[in-house]
Amino acid sequence: MPIYEYRCEACGKLTSVLVRSARTAETPRCEHCRSRKLKRLISRVTGVKSERDVLDEYGAPAGGVAGPDAYRDPRQIGRWVEKRFEEYGMELPGETREMIDAAREGELPKPIKDL
């Protein structure tokens, strides 16, 4: 089921239309002004990044020091913490492990959420 994007020739805004079946062709309407004067656009294609892609794109913090711009991807903070504990031969505390795993699932710790 593709999603087609259109630019409205009446109001100039974009509209996305989910096509459920190629057999039942519907004339789409602008979701903003309800006009039928739409021009179909070429949609962007997205891909899923692997862990290697993320590291290649964002890199590691410079010199191992976490400054204000050291991380452009929040997933790297957990990787950095895990690596430091491993380097020092220390076991990662259970609460820290839970926070890292939760962050990887999209749940930020409360102190960070509330900022």
PDB file of N, CA and C in Angstrom:
ATOM      1  N   MET A   1       0.843  -1.174   0.000  1.00  0.00           N
ATOM      2  CA  MET A   1       0.000   0.000   0.000  1.00  0.00           C
ATOM      3  C   MET A   1       0.891   1.241   0.000  1.00  0.00           C
ATOM      4  N   PRO A   2       1.037   1.863  -1.137  1.00  0.00           N
ATOM      5  CA  PRO A   2       1.894   3.042  -1.200  1.00  0.00           C
ATOM      6  C   PRO A   2       1.214   4.294  -0.651  1.00  0.00           C
ATOM      7  N   ILE A   3       2.034   5.241  -0.276  1.00  0.00           N
ATOM      8  CA  ILE A   3       1.563   6.563   0.119  1.00  0.00           C
ATOM      9  C   ILE A   3       2.065   7.529  -0.943  1.00  0.00           C
ATOM     10  N   TYR A   4       1.141   8.222  -1.598  1.00  0.00           N
ATOM     11  CA  TYR A   4       1.496   9.183  -2.628  1.00  0.00           C
ATOM     12  C   TYR A   4       1.428  10.585  -2.043  1.00  0.00           C
ATOM     13  N   GLU A   5       2.323  11.450  -2.497  1.00  0.00           N
ATOM     14  CA  GLU A   5       2.319  12.832  -2.048  1.00  0.00           C
ATOM     15  C   GLU A   5       1.917  13.737  -3.209  1.00  0.00           C
ATOM     16  N   TYR A   6       1.140  14.744  -2.884  1.00  0.00           N
ATOM     17  CA  TYR A   6       0.643  15.687  -3.878  1.00  0.00           C
ATOM     18  C   TYR A   6       0.864  17.107  -3.380  1.00  0.00           C
ATOM     19  N   ARG A   7       1.066  18.040  -4.318  1.00  0.00           N
ATOM     20  CA  ARG A   7       1.077  19.467  -3.999  1.00  0.00           C
ATOM     21  C   ARG A   7      -0.213  20.043  -4.560  1.00  0.00           C
ATOM     22  N   CYS A   8      -0.930  20.761  -3.714  1.00  0.00           N
ATOM     23  CA  CYS A   8      -2.193  21.376  -4.123  1.00  0.00           C
ATOM     24  C   CYS A   8      -1.896  22.610  -4.959  1.00  0.00           C
ATOM     25  N   GLU A   9      -2.492  22.688  -6.129  1.00  0.00           N
ATOM     26  CA  GLU A   9      -2.300  23.846  -6.991  1.00  0.00           C
ATOM     27  C   GLU A   9      -3.147  25.030  -6.535  1.00  0.00           C
ATOM     28  N   ALA A  10      -4.102  24.787  -5.655  1.00  0.00           N
ATOM     29  CA  ALA A  10      -4.950  25.870  -5.148  1.00  0.00           C
ATOM     30  C   ALA A  10      -4.303  26.566  -3.945  1.00  0.00           C
ATOM     31  N   CYS A  11      -3.819  25.772  -2.964  1.00  0.00           N
ATOM     32  CA  CYS A  11      -3.260  26.386  -1.751  1.00  0.00           C
ATOM     33  C   CYS A  11      -1.755  26.190  -1.612  1.00  0.00           C
ATOM     34  N   GLY A  12      -1.161  25.302  -2.428  1.00  0.00           N
ATOM     35  CA  GLY A  12       0.283  25.098  -2.413  1.00  0.00           C
ATOM     36  C   GLY A  12       0.798  24.176  -1.331  1.00  0.00           C
ATOM     37  N   LYS A  13      -0.088  23.603  -0.523  1.00  0.00           N
ATOM     38  CA  LYS A  13       0.338  22.734   0.572  1.00  0.00           C
ATOM     39  C   LYS A  13       0.450  21.290   0.105  1.00  0.00           C
ATOM     40  N   LEU A  14       1.195  20.488   0.898  1.00  0.00           N
ATOM     41  CA  LEU A  14       1.382  19.072   0.585  1.00  0.00           C
ATOM     42  C   LEU A  14       0.294  18.225   1.228  1.00  0.00           C
ATOM     43  N   THR A  15      -0.081  17.171   0.534  1.00  0.00           N
ATOM     44  CA  THR A  15      -1.054  16.208   1.022  1.00  0.00           C
ATOM     45  C   THR A  15      -0.523  14.814   0.747  1.00  0.00           C
ATOM     46  N   SER A  16      -0.610  13.927   1.725  1.00  0.00           N
ATOM     47  CA  SER A  16      -0.219  12.532   1.560  1.00  0.00           C
ATOM     48  C   SER A  16      -1.468  11.679   1.496  1.00  0.00           C
ATOM     49  N   VAL A  17      -1.492  10.731   0.549  1.00  0.00           N
ATOM     50  CA  VAL A  17      -2.670   9.885   0.356  1.00  0.00           C
ATOM     51  C   VAL A  17      -2.248   8.428   0.383  1.00  0.00           C
ATOM     52  N   LEU A  18      -2.849   7.655   1.283  1.00  0.00           N
ATOM     53  CA  LEU A  18      -2.612   6.220   1.356  1.00  0.00           C
ATOM     54  C   LEU A  18      -3.509   5.542   0.330  1.00  0.00           C
ATOM     55  N   VAL A  19      -2.908   4.786  -0.587  1.00  0.00           N
ATOM     56  CA  VAL A  19      -3.672   4.086  -1.622  1.00  0.00           C
ATOM     57  C   VAL A  19      -3.842   2.640  -1.168  1.00  0.00           C
ATOM     58  N   ARG A  20      -5.073   2.277  -0.866  1.00  0.00           N
ATOM     59  CA  ARG A  20      -5.346   0.941  -0.337  1.00  0.00           C
ATOM     60  C   ARG A  20      -5.391  -0.121  -1.428  1.00  0.00           C
ATOM     61  N   SER A  21      -5.801   0.258  -2.621  1.00  0.00           N
ATOM     62  CA  SER A  21      -5.898  -0.704  -3.715  1.00  0.00           C
ATOM     63  C   SER A  21      -5.741   0.020  -5.042  1.00  0.00           C
ATOM     64  N   ALA A  22      -4.946  -0.562  -5.933  1.00  0.00           N
ATOM     65  CA  ALA A  22      -4.748   0.044  -7.255  1.00  0.00           C
ATOM     66  C   ALA A  22      -6.016  -0.078  -8.103  1.00  0.00           C
ATOM     67  N   ARG A  23      -6.869  -1.043  -7.787  1.00  0.00           N
ATOM     68  CA  ARG A  23      -8.098  -1.265  -8.565  1.00  0.00           C
ATOM     69  C   ARG A  23      -9.159  -0.209  -8.316  1.00  0.00           C
ATOM     70  N   THR A  24      -9.173   0.351  -7.127  1.00  0.00           N
ATOM     71  CA  THR A  24     -10.188   1.365  -6.802  1.00  0.00           C
ATOM     72  C   THR A  24      -9.533   2.738  -6.817  1.00  0.00           C
ATOM     73  N   ALA A  25      -9.365   3.270  -7.999  1.00  0.00           N
ATOM     74  CA  ALA A  25      -8.720   4.576  -8.152  1.00  0.00           C
ATOM     75  C   ALA A  25      -9.644   5.674  -7.663  1.00  0.00           C
ATOM     76  N   GLU A  26      -9.171   6.415  -6.679  1.00  0.00           N
ATOM     77  CA  GLU A  26      -9.937   7.539  -6.145  1.00  0.00           C
ATOM     78  C   GLU A  26      -9.238   8.830  -6.528  1.00  0.00           C
ATOM     79  N   THR A  27     -10.004   9.857  -6.748  1.00  0.00           N
ATOM     80  CA  THR A  27      -9.412  11.169  -7.006  1.00  0.00           C
ATOM     81  C   THR A  27      -9.176  11.821  -5.653  1.00  0.00           C
ATOM     82  N   PRO A  28      -7.908  12.040  -5.297  1.00  0.00           N
ATOM     83  CA  PRO A  28      -7.630  12.592  -3.969  1.00  0.00           C
ATOM     84  C   PRO A  28      -8.010  14.065  -3.850  1.00  0.00           C
ATOM     85  N   ARG A  29      -8.229  14.490  -2.608  1.00  0.00           N
ATOM     86  CA  ARG A  29      -8.537  15.891  -2.308  1.00  0.00           C
ATOM     87  C   ARG A  29      -7.430  16.433  -1.402  1.00  0.00           C
ATOM     88  N   CYS A  30      -7.209  17.726  -1.504  1.00  0.00           N
ATOM     89  CA  CYS A  30      -6.270  18.391  -0.610  1.00  0.00           C
ATOM     90  C   CYS A  30      -6.834  18.317   0.813  1.00  0.00           C
ATOM     91  N   GLU A  31      -6.019  17.884   1.749  1.00  0.00           N
ATOM     92  CA  GLU A  31      -6.505  17.774   3.127  1.00  0.00           C
ATOM     93  C   GLU A  31      -6.595  19.126   3.814  1.00  0.00           C
ATOM     94  N   HIS A  32      -6.109  20.179   3.150  1.00  0.00           N
ATOM     95  CA  HIS A  32      -6.128  21.516   3.740  1.00  0.00           C
ATOM     96  C   HIS A  32      -7.293  22.363   3.223  1.00  0.00           C
ATOM     97  N   CYS A  33      -7.466  22.357   1.879  1.00  0.00           N
ATOM     98  CA  CYS A  33      -8.522  23.222   1.315  1.00  0.00           C
ATOM     99  C   CYS A  33      -9.587  22.425   0.557  1.00  0.00           C
ATOM    100  N   ARG A  34      -9.429  21.092   0.497  1.00  0.00           N
ATOM    101  CA  ARG A  34     -10.382  20.167  -0.137  1.00  0.00           C
ATOM    102  C   ARG A  34     -10.416  20.271  -1.667  1.00  0.00           C
ATOM    103  N   SER A  35      -9.477  20.988  -2.276  1.00  0.00           N
ATOM    104  CA  SER A  35      -9.419  21.102  -3.730  1.00  0.00           C
ATOM    105  C   SER A  35      -9.003  19.758  -4.342  1.00  0.00           C
ATOM    106  N   ARG A  36      -9.436  19.522  -5.583  1.00  0.00           N
ATOM    107  CA  ARG A  36      -9.024  18.320  -6.313  1.00  0.00           C
ATOM    108  C   ARG A  36      -7.892  18.631  -7.299  1.00  0.00           C
ATOM    109  N   LYS A  37      -7.424  19.883  -7.309  1.00  0.00           N
ATOM    110  CA  LYS A  37      -6.346  20.278  -8.222  1.00  0.00           C
ATOM    111  C   LYS A  37      -4.998  19.946  -7.576  1.00  0.00           C
ATOM    112  N   LEU A  38      -4.622  18.668  -7.673  1.00  0.00           N
ATOM    113  CA  LEU A  38      -3.397  18.191  -7.059  1.00  0.00           C
ATOM    114  C   LEU A  38      -2.411  17.709  -8.112  1.00  0.00           C
ATOM    115  N   LYS A  39      -1.140  17.953  -7.858  1.00  0.00           N
ATOM    116  CA  LYS A  39      -0.080  17.476  -8.748  1.00  0.00           C
ATOM    117  C   LYS A  39       0.746  16.459  -7.956  1.00  0.00           C
ATOM    118  N   ARG A  40       0.854  15.249  -8.510  1.00  0.00           N
ATOM    119  CA  ARG A  40       1.578  14.189  -7.812  1.00  0.00           C
ATOM    120  C   ARG A  40       3.075  14.471  -7.825  1.00  0.00           C
ATOM    121  N   LEU A  41       3.713  14.247  -6.671  1.00  0.00           N
ATOM    122  CA  LEU A  41       5.138  14.495  -6.504  1.00  0.00           C
ATOM    123  C   LEU A  41       5.894  13.177  -6.415  1.00  0.00           C
ATOM    124  N   ILE A  42       7.187  13.250  -6.618  1.00  0.00           N
ATOM    125  CA  ILE A  42       8.040  12.079  -6.404  1.00  0.00           C
ATOM    126  C   ILE A  42       8.382  12.070  -4.919  1.00  0.00           C
ATOM    127  N   SER A  43       8.026  10.993  -4.244  1.00  0.00           N
ATOM    128  CA  SER A  43       8.230  10.888  -2.803  1.00  0.00           C
ATOM    129  C   SER A  43       9.674  10.542  -2.474  1.00  0.00           C
ATOM    130  N   ARG A  44      10.093  10.970  -1.295  1.00  0.00           N
ATOM    131  CA  ARG A  44      11.411  10.596  -0.797  1.00  0.00           C
ATOM    132  C   ARG A  44      11.377   9.155  -0.325  1.00  0.00           C
ATOM    133  N   VAL A  45      12.515   8.497  -0.419  1.00  0.00           N
ATOM    134  CA  VAL A  45      12.647   7.122   0.059  1.00  0.00           C
ATOM    135  C   VAL A  45      13.543   7.155   1.285  1.00  0.00           C
ATOM    136  N   THR A  46      13.151   6.432   2.327  1.00  0.00           N
ATOM    137  CA  THR A  46      13.971   6.378   3.529  1.00  0.00           C
ATOM    138  C   THR A  46      14.486   4.968   3.737  1.00  0.00           C
ATOM    139  N   GLY A  47      15.568   4.887   4.448  1.00  0.00           N
ATOM    140  CA  GLY A  47      16.144   3.593   4.759  1.00  0.00           C
ATOM    141  C   GLY A  47      16.463   3.517   6.237  1.00  0.00           C
ATOM    142  N   VAL A  48      16.640   2.320   6.732  1.00  0.00           N
ATOM    143  CA  VAL A  48      16.971   2.104   8.128  1.00  0.00           C
ATOM    144  C   VAL A  48      18.489   2.074   8.256  1.00  0.00           C
ATOM    145  N   LYS A  49      19.007   2.797   9.237  1.00  0.00           N
ATOM    146  CA  LYS A  49      20.450   2.826   9.451  1.00  0.00           C
ATOM    147  C   LYS A  49      20.862   1.709  10.403  1.00  0.00           C
ATOM    148  N   SER A  50      21.960   1.053  10.048  1.00  0.00           N
ATOM    149  CA  SER A  50      22.521   0.046  10.941  1.00  0.00           C
ATOM    150  C   SER A  50      23.356   0.753  12.002  1.00  0.00           C
ATOM    151  N   GLU A  51      23.772   0.020  13.005  1.00  0.00           N
ATOM    152  CA  GLU A  51      24.624   0.594  14.035  1.00  0.00           C
ATOM    153  C   GLU A  51      25.920   1.122  13.411  1.00  0.00           C
ATOM    154  N   ARG A  52      26.456   0.396  12.448  1.00  0.00           N
ATOM    155  CA  ARG A  52      27.682   0.822  11.764  1.00  0.00           C
ATOM    156  C   ARG A  52      27.445   2.132  11.008  1.00  0.00           C
ATOM    157  N   ASP A  53      26.281   2.256  10.348  1.00  0.00           N
ATOM    158  CA  ASP A  53      25.950   3.496   9.636  1.00  0.00           C
ATOM    159  C   ASP A  53      25.923   4.690  10.589  1.00  0.00           C
ATOM    160  N   VAL A  54      25.333   4.492  11.770  1.00  0.00           N
ATOM    161  CA  VAL A  54      25.240   5.560  12.759  1.00  0.00           C
ATOM    162  C   VAL A  54      26.640   5.969  13.218  1.00  0.00           C
ATOM    163  N   LEU A  55      27.479   4.987  13.517  1.00  0.00           N
ATOM    164  CA  LEU A  55      28.837   5.299  13.955  1.00  0.00           C
ATOM    165  C   LEU A  55      29.629   5.995  12.856  1.00  0.00           C
ATOM    166  N   ASP A  56      29.463   5.537  11.617  1.00  0.00           N
ATOM    167  CA  ASP A  56      30.162   6.171  10.493  1.00  0.00           C
ATOM    168  C   ASP A  56      29.704   7.610  10.314  1.00  0.00           C
ATOM    169  N   GLU A  57      28.413   7.853  10.481  1.00  0.00           N
ATOM    170  CA  GLU A  57      27.867   9.190  10.257  1.00  0.00           C
ATOM    171  C   GLU A  57      28.173  10.150  11.398  1.00  0.00           C
ATOM    172  N   TYR A  58      28.034   9.684  12.640  1.00  0.00           N
ATOM    173  CA  TYR A  58      28.169  10.578  13.777  1.00  0.00           C
ATOM    174  C   TYR A  58      29.497  10.460  14.517  1.00  0.00           C
ATOM    175  N   GLY A  59      30.180   9.340  14.352  1.00  0.00           N
ATOM    176  CA  GLY A  59      31.461   9.162  15.016  1.00  0.00           C
ATOM    177  C   GLY A  59      31.348   9.039  16.507  1.00  0.00           C
ATOM    178  N   ALA A  60      32.501   8.997  17.153  1.00  0.00           N
ATOM    179  CA  ALA A  60      32.577   8.899  18.608  1.00  0.00           C
ATOM    180  C   ALA A  60      32.956  10.270  19.150  1.00  0.00           C
ATOM    181  N   PRO A  61      32.744  10.489  20.441  1.00  0.00           N
ATOM    182  CA  PRO A  61      33.109  11.791  21.001  1.00  0.00           C
ATOM    183  C   PRO A  61      34.605  12.041  20.855  1.00  0.00           C
ATOM    184  N   ALA A  62      34.975  13.265  20.545  1.00  0.00           N
ATOM    185  CA  ALA A  62      36.374  13.630  20.333  1.00  0.00           C
ATOM    186  C   ALA A  62      37.181  13.419  21.603  1.00  0.00           C
ATOM    187  N   GLY A  63      38.246  12.652  21.498  1.00  0.00           N
ATOM    188  CA  GLY A  63      39.137  12.436  22.630  1.00  0.00           C
ATOM    189  C   GLY A  63      38.494  11.725  23.800  1.00  0.00           C
ATOM    190  N   GLY A  64      37.339  11.151  23.619  1.00  0.00           N
ATOM    191  CA  GLY A  64      36.673  10.438  24.698  1.00  0.00           C
ATOM    192  C   GLY A  64      36.057  11.353  25.744  1.00  0.00           C
ATOM    193  N   VAL A  65      36.067  12.666  25.496  1.00  0.00           N
ATOM    194  CA  VAL A  65      35.520  13.622  26.452  1.00  0.00           C
ATOM    195  C   VAL A  65      34.147  14.064  25.974  1.00  0.00           C
ATOM    196  N   ALA A  66      33.160  13.993  26.849  1.00  0.00           N
ATOM    197  CA  ALA A  66      31.793  14.349  26.470  1.00  0.00           C
ATOM    198  C   ALA A  66      31.565  15.840  26.690  1.00  0.00           C
ATOM    199  N   GLY A  67      31.770  16.624  25.642  1.00  0.00           N
ATOM    200  CA  GLY A  67      31.486  18.063  25.694  1.00  0.00           C
ATOM    201  C   GLY A  67      30.092  18.312  25.179  1.00  0.00           C
ATOM    202  N   PRO A  68      29.665  19.571  25.084  1.00  0.00           N
ATOM    203  CA  PRO A  68      28.299  19.881  24.657  1.00  0.00           C
ATOM    204  C   PRO A  68      27.978  19.398  23.247  1.00  0.00           C
ATOM    205  N   ASP A  69      28.989  19.327  22.367  1.00  0.00           N
ATOM    206  CA  ASP A  69      28.739  18.885  20.999  1.00  0.00           C
ATOM    207  C   ASP A  69      29.328  17.506  20.715  1.00  0.00           C
ATOM    208  N   ALA A  70      29.719  16.783  21.764  1.00  0.00           N
ATOM    209  CA  ALA A  70      30.394  15.499  21.576  1.00  0.00           C
ATOM    210  C   ALA A  70      29.470  14.459  20.949  1.00  0.00           C
ATOM    211  N   TYR A  71      28.183  14.543  21.228  1.00  0.00           N
ATOM    212  CA  TYR A  71      27.246  13.541  20.729  1.00  0.00           C
ATOM    213  C   TYR A  71      26.199  14.206  19.875  1.00  0.00           C
ATOM    214  N   ARG A  72      26.099  13.789  18.615  1.00  0.00           N
ATOM    215  CA  ARG A  72      25.040  14.284  17.756  1.00  0.00           C
ATOM    216  C   ARG A  72      23.905  13.275  17.700  1.00  0.00           C
ATOM    217  N   ASP A  73      24.130  12.092  18.226  1.00  0.00           N
ATOM    218  CA  ASP A  73      23.117  11.041  18.257  1.00  0.00           C
ATOM    219  C   ASP A  73      23.046  10.514  19.686  1.00  0.00           C
ATOM    220  N   PRO A  74      21.909  10.672  20.385  1.00  0.00           N
ATOM    221  CA  PRO A  74      21.823  10.262  21.785  1.00  0.00           C
ATOM    222  C   PRO A  74      22.078   8.779  22.028  1.00  0.00           C
ATOM    223  N   ARG A  75      21.919   7.942  20.996  1.00  0.00           N
ATOM    224  CA  ARG A  75      22.180   6.513  21.198  1.00  0.00           C
ATOM    225  C   ARG A  75      23.642   6.267  21.538  1.00  0.00           C
ATOM    226  N   GLN A  76      24.526   7.196  21.174  1.00  0.00           N
ATOM    227  CA  GLN A  76      25.949   6.999  21.411  1.00  0.00           C
ATOM    228  C   GLN A  76      26.333   7.180  22.874  1.00  0.00           C
ATOM    229  N   ILE A  77      25.530   7.895  23.624  1.00  0.00           N
ATOM    230  CA  ILE A  77      25.840   8.086  25.039  1.00  0.00           C
ATOM    231  C   ILE A  77      25.892   6.732  25.738  1.00  0.00           C
ATOM    232  N   GLY A  78      24.908   5.885  25.486  1.00  0.00           N
ATOM    233  CA  GLY A  78      24.897   4.545  26.090  1.00  0.00           C
ATOM    234  C   GLY A  78      26.093   3.720  25.650  1.00  0.00           C
ATOM    235  N   ARG A  79      26.446   3.792  24.368  1.00  0.00           N
ATOM    236  CA  ARG A  79      27.610   3.050  23.878  1.00  0.00           C
ATOM    237  C   ARG A  79      28.877   3.531  24.571  1.00  0.00           C
ATOM    238  N   TRP A  80      28.999   4.851  24.743  1.00  0.00           N
ATOM    239  CA  TRP A  80      30.175   5.425  25.378  1.00  0.00           C
ATOM    240  C   TRP A  80      30.276   4.945  26.831  1.00  0.00           C
ATOM    241  N   VAL A  81      29.166   4.969  27.562  1.00  0.00           N
ATOM    242  CA  VAL A  81      29.155   4.522  28.962  1.00  0.00           C
ATOM    243  C   VAL A  81      29.540   3.051  29.045  1.00  0.00           C
ATOM    244  N   GLU A  82      28.949   2.222  28.199  1.00  0.00           N
ATOM    245  CA  GLU A  82      29.284   0.793  28.207  1.00  0.00           C
ATOM    246  C   GLU A  82      30.767   0.571  27.946  1.00  0.00           C
ATOM    247  N   LYS A  83      31.315   1.311  26.993  1.00  0.00           N
ATOM    248  CA  LYS A  83      32.730   1.162  26.633  1.00  0.00           C
ATOM    249  C   LYS A  83      33.630   1.576  27.795  1.00  0.00           C
ATOM    250  N   ARG A  84      33.302   2.678  28.463  1.00  0.00           N
ATOM    251  CA  ARG A  84      34.130   3.136  29.585  1.00  0.00           C
ATOM    252  C   ARG A  84      34.126   2.107  30.721  1.00  0.00           C
ATOM    253  N   PHE A  85      32.965   1.575  31.062  1.00  0.00           N
ATOM    254  CA  PHE A  85      32.903   0.581  32.126  1.00  0.00           C
ATOM    255  C   PHE A  85      33.724  -0.651  31.745  1.00  0.00           C
ATOM    256  N   GLU A  86      33.626  -1.067  30.488  1.00  0.00           N
ATOM    257  CA  GLU A  86      34.387  -2.222  30.015  1.00  0.00           C
ATOM    258  C   GLU A  86      35.890  -1.946  30.096  1.00  0.00           C
ATOM    259  N   GLU A  87      36.329  -0.757  29.660  1.00  0.00           N
ATOM    260  CA  GLU A  87      37.747  -0.396  29.696  1.00  0.00           C
ATOM    261  C   GLU A  87      38.306  -0.410  31.110  1.00  0.00           C
ATOM    262  N   TYR A  88      37.498   0.017  32.088  1.00  0.00           N
ATOM    263  CA  TYR A  88      37.953   0.059  33.471  1.00  0.00           C
ATOM    264  C   TYR A  88      37.756  -1.271  34.199  1.00  0.00           C
ATOM    265  N   GLY A  89      37.218  -2.263  33.489  1.00  0.00           N
ATOM    266  CA  GLY A  89      37.010  -3.573  34.088  1.00  0.00           C
ATOM    267  C   GLY A  89      35.935  -3.572  35.161  1.00  0.00           C
ATOM    268  N   MET A  90      34.994  -2.658  35.043  1.00  0.00           N
ATOM    269  CA  MET A  90      33.930  -2.545  36.038  1.00  0.00           C
ATOM    270  C   MET A  90      32.624  -3.080  35.467  1.00  0.00           C
ATOM    271  N   GLU A  91      31.798  -3.599  36.356  1.00  0.00           N
ATOM    272  CA  GLU A  91      30.483  -4.074  35.933  1.00  0.00           C
ATOM    273  C   GLU A  91      29.519  -2.885  35.878  1.00  0.00           C
ATOM    274  N   LEU A  92      28.729  -2.828  34.820  1.00  0.00           N
ATOM    275  CA  LEU A  92      27.757  -1.760  34.651  1.00  0.00           C
ATOM    276  C   LEU A  92      26.632  -1.947  35.673  1.00  0.00           C
ATOM    277  N   PRO A  93      26.333  -0.945  36.506  1.00  0.00           N
ATOM    278  CA  PRO A  93      25.253  -1.080  37.491  1.00  0.00           C
ATOM    279  C   PRO A  93      23.913  -1.384  36.809  1.00  0.00           C
ATOM    280  N   GLY A  94      23.097  -2.181  37.473  1.00  0.00           N
ATOM    281  CA  GLY A  94      21.803  -2.586  36.921  1.00  0.00           C
ATOM    282  C   GLY A  94      20.918  -1.417  36.549  1.00  0.00           C
ATOM    283  N   GLU A  95      20.875  -0.384  37.401  1.00  0.00           N
ATOM    284  CA  GLU A  95      20.037   0.783  37.122  1.00  0.00           C
ATOM    285  C   GLU A  95      20.524   1.514  35.868  1.00  0.00           C
ATOM    286  N   THR A  96      21.839   1.587  35.690  1.00  0.00           N
ATOM    287  CA  THR A  96      22.410   2.229  34.499  1.00  0.00           C
ATOM    288  C   THR A  96      22.058   1.424  33.255  1.00  0.00           C
ATOM    289  N   ARG A  97      22.152   0.088  33.352  1.00  0.00           N
ATOM    290  CA  ARG A  97      21.807  -0.794  32.228  1.00  0.00           C
ATOM    291  C   ARG A  97      20.349  -0.586  31.832  1.00  0.00           C
ATOM    292  N   GLU A  98      19.455  -0.485  32.828  1.00  0.00           N
ATOM    293  CA  GLU A  98      18.036  -0.272  32.548  1.00  0.00           C
ATOM    294  C   GLU A  98      17.797   1.063  31.845  1.00  0.00           C
ATOM    295  N   MET A  99      18.506   2.110  32.287  1.00  0.00           N
ATOM    296  CA  MET A  99      18.341   3.429  31.673  1.00  0.00           C
ATOM    297  C   MET A  99      18.820   3.414  30.219  1.00  0.00           C
ATOM    298  N   ILE A 100      19.962   2.754  29.973  1.00  0.00           N
ATOM    299  CA  ILE A 100      20.487   2.688  28.603  1.00  0.00           C
ATOM    300  C   ILE A 100      19.528   1.912  27.710  1.00  0.00           C
ATOM    301  N   ASP A 101      19.052   0.770  28.187  1.00  0.00           N
ATOM    302  CA  ASP A 101      18.121  -0.042  27.389  1.00  0.00           C
ATOM    303  C   ASP A 101      16.816   0.710  27.129  1.00  0.00           C
ATOM    304  N   ALA A 102      16.308   1.419  28.141  1.00  0.00           N
ATOM    305  CA  ALA A 102      15.069   2.189  27.969  1.00  0.00           C
ATOM    306  C   ALA A 102      15.279   3.309  26.949  1.00  0.00           C
ATOM    307  N   ALA A 103      16.430   3.971  27.009  1.00  0.00           N
ATOM    308  CA  ALA A 103      16.715   5.045  26.058  1.00  0.00           C
ATOM    309  C   ALA A 103      16.787   4.508  24.635  1.00  0.00           C
ATOM    310  N   ARG A 104      17.317   3.318  24.472  1.00  0.00           N
ATOM    311  CA  ARG A 104      17.387   2.708  23.141  1.00  0.00           C
ATOM    312  C   ARG A 104      16.010   2.383  22.596  1.00  0.00           C
ATOM    313  N   GLU A 105      15.059   2.203  23.492  1.00  0.00           N
ATOM    314  CA  GLU A 105      13.682   1.949  23.085  1.00  0.00           C
ATOM    315  C   GLU A 105      12.892   3.245  22.937  1.00  0.00           C
ATOM    316  N   GLY A 106      13.553   4.387  23.184  1.00  0.00           N
ATOM    317  CA  GLY A 106      12.897   5.673  22.999  1.00  0.00           C
ATOM    318  C   GLY A 106      12.396   6.326  24.270  1.00  0.00           C
ATOM    319  N   GLU A 107      12.622   5.706  25.420  1.00  0.00           N
ATOM    320  CA  GLU A 107      12.161   6.269  26.691  1.00  0.00           C
ATOM    321  C   GLU A 107      13.339   6.940  27.388  1.00  0.00           C
ATOM    322  N   LEU A 108      13.284   8.262  27.503  1.00  0.00           N
ATOM    323  CA  LEU A 108      14.368   8.988  28.150  1.00  0.00           C
ATOM    324  C   LEU A 108      14.155   8.988  29.657  1.00  0.00           C
ATOM    325  N   PRO A 109      15.250   8.998  30.419  1.00  0.00           N
ATOM    326  CA  PRO A 109      15.118   9.072  31.884  1.00  0.00           C
ATOM    327  C   PRO A 109      14.409  10.359  32.285  1.00  0.00           C
ATOM    328  N   LYS A 110      13.695  10.333  33.385  1.00  0.00           N
ATOM    329  CA  LYS A 110      12.901  11.485  33.827  1.00  0.00           C
ATOM    330  C   LYS A 110      13.692  12.785  33.936  1.00  0.00           C
ATOM    331  N   PRO A 111      14.894  12.817  34.525  1.00  0.00           N
ATOM    332  CA  PRO A 111      15.597  14.094  34.610  1.00  0.00           C
ATOM    333  C   PRO A 111      15.863  14.723  33.242  1.00  0.00           C
ATOM    334  N   ILE A 112      16.081  13.919  32.220  1.00  0.00           N
ATOM    335  CA  ILE A 112      16.335  14.438  30.881  1.00  0.00           C
ATOM    336  C   ILE A 112      15.028  14.865  30.232  1.00  0.00           C
ATOM    337  N   LYS A 113      13.953  14.101  30.432  1.00  0.00           N
ATOM    338  CA  LYS A 113      12.650  14.420  29.855  1.00  0.00           C
ATOM    339  C   LYS A 113      12.157  15.785  30.304  1.00  0.00           C
ATOM    340  N   ASP A 114      12.364  16.090  31.586  1.00  0.00           N
ATOM    341  CA  ASP A 114      11.786  17.292  32.167  1.00  0.00           C
ATOM    342  C   ASP A 114      12.569  18.566  31.859  1.00  0.00           C
ATOM    343  N   LEU A 115      13.705  18.458  31.225  1.00  0.00           N
ATOM    344  CA  LEU A 115      14.515  19.665  30.929  1.00  0.00           C
ATOM    345  C   LEU A 115      13.873  20.510  29.874  1.00  0.00           C
TER     346      LEU A 115
END
